[in-house]
Every structure is written in C-alpha cells, then in structure tokens.
C-alpha cells in the first residue's frame, strides 16, 4: 500500500499542544495553516516535503 501524503507538518501550539498531520497537496497545506494559524507558534512550524530531491534537501539546510 502506497502512502499518498506529500507534506508532513509538525507544529507546537501556543498552549503547548503538539500538532502532527499530513497533506496531499500545497493547497491543502495552505488551508490547514490558515485554519490553525492563530493556535500555532509559527517559529516552531516544520513542514517536510516527502517528494523533494534528497540532494536539494541537503543544499537547502538551514541552521
């Protein structure tokens, strides 16, 4: 069985909640962020693109 989600979201809420979800496309990702933006600490938002080339992941590494 194949996994169909492309984006994996890991976030921390303002009340200490932990959010972990997945989205199939960029539009769904933007909608989820817009719906939950008031509850999230935006500095702690991490989005992983599972279809991104591993070489590009390494080159775009941020500290």
Protein backbone atom coordinates (compact mmCIF):
# COMPACT_ATOMS: atom_id res chain seq x y z
CA UNK A 1 0.00 0.00 0.00
CA UNK A 2 1.40 3.34 -1.06
CA UNK A 3 1.42 6.45 1.10
CA UNK A 4 -0.21 9.34 -0.74
CA UNK A 5 0.63 12.26 1.52
CA UNK A 6 3.28 14.66 0.29
CA UNK A 7 3.70 17.15 3.13
CA UNK A 8 4.18 16.24 6.78
CA UNK A 9 3.53 19.03 9.29
CA UNK A 10 4.89 19.16 12.80
CA UNK A 11 3.95 22.16 14.93
CA UNK A 12 3.67 23.40 18.50
CA UNK A 13 0.61 25.26 19.73
CA UNK A 14 0.60 28.34 21.93
CA UNK A 15 -0.80 26.29 24.82
CA UNK A 16 1.91 23.63 24.46
CA UNK A 17 -0.11 21.33 22.19
CA UNK A 18 1.69 19.24 19.60
CA UNK A 19 0.28 19.04 16.08
CA UNK A 20 1.32 16.31 13.64
CA UNK A 21 -0.58 15.94 10.38
CA UNK A 22 -0.11 15.35 6.67
CA UNK A 23 -1.45 16.94 3.50
CA UNK A 24 -1.68 15.69 -0.07
CA UNK A 25 -1.02 18.95 -1.91
CA UNK A 26 0.11 22.53 -1.44
CA UNK A 27 -3.42 23.96 -1.44
CA UNK A 28 -4.47 21.64 1.38
CA UNK A 29 -1.28 22.60 3.27
CA UNK A 30 -2.02 26.33 2.95
CA UNK A 31 -5.64 25.81 4.07
CA UNK A 32 -4.55 23.85 7.16
CA UNK A 33 -2.04 26.55 8.14
CA UNK A 34 -4.62 29.32 7.58
CA UNK A 35 -7.22 27.47 9.68
CA UNK A 36 -4.80 26.87 12.57
CA UNK A 37 -2.52 29.91 12.38
CA UNK A 38 -3.97 31.59 15.49
CA UNK A 39 -3.27 28.48 17.59
CA UNK A 40 0.28 27.81 16.35
CA UNK A 41 3.71 29.14 17.26
CA UNK A 42 4.84 29.90 13.72
CA UNK A 43 8.55 29.72 14.64
CA UNK A 44 8.05 26.07 15.63
CA UNK A 45 6.25 25.08 12.41
CA UNK A 46 8.14 22.40 10.44
CA UNK A 47 6.98 21.20 7.03
CA UNK A 48 8.63 18.24 5.32
CA UNK A 49 8.15 17.71 1.58
CA UNK A 50 8.46 13.96 1.04
CA UNK A 51 8.87 14.38 -2.75
CA UNK A 52 11.82 16.77 -2.54
CA UNK A 53 15.07 15.54 -4.04
CA UNK A 54 17.49 14.41 -1.27
CA UNK A 55 20.29 16.49 -2.79
CA UNK A 56 18.13 19.63 -2.64
CA UNK A 57 17.25 18.86 0.98
CA UNK A 58 20.95 18.82 1.82
CA UNK A 59 21.70 22.03 -0.10
CA UNK A 60 18.79 23.96 1.43
CA UNK A 61 19.70 23.05 5.03
CA UNK A 62 19.16 25.99 7.37
CA UNK A 63 20.57 26.45 10.85
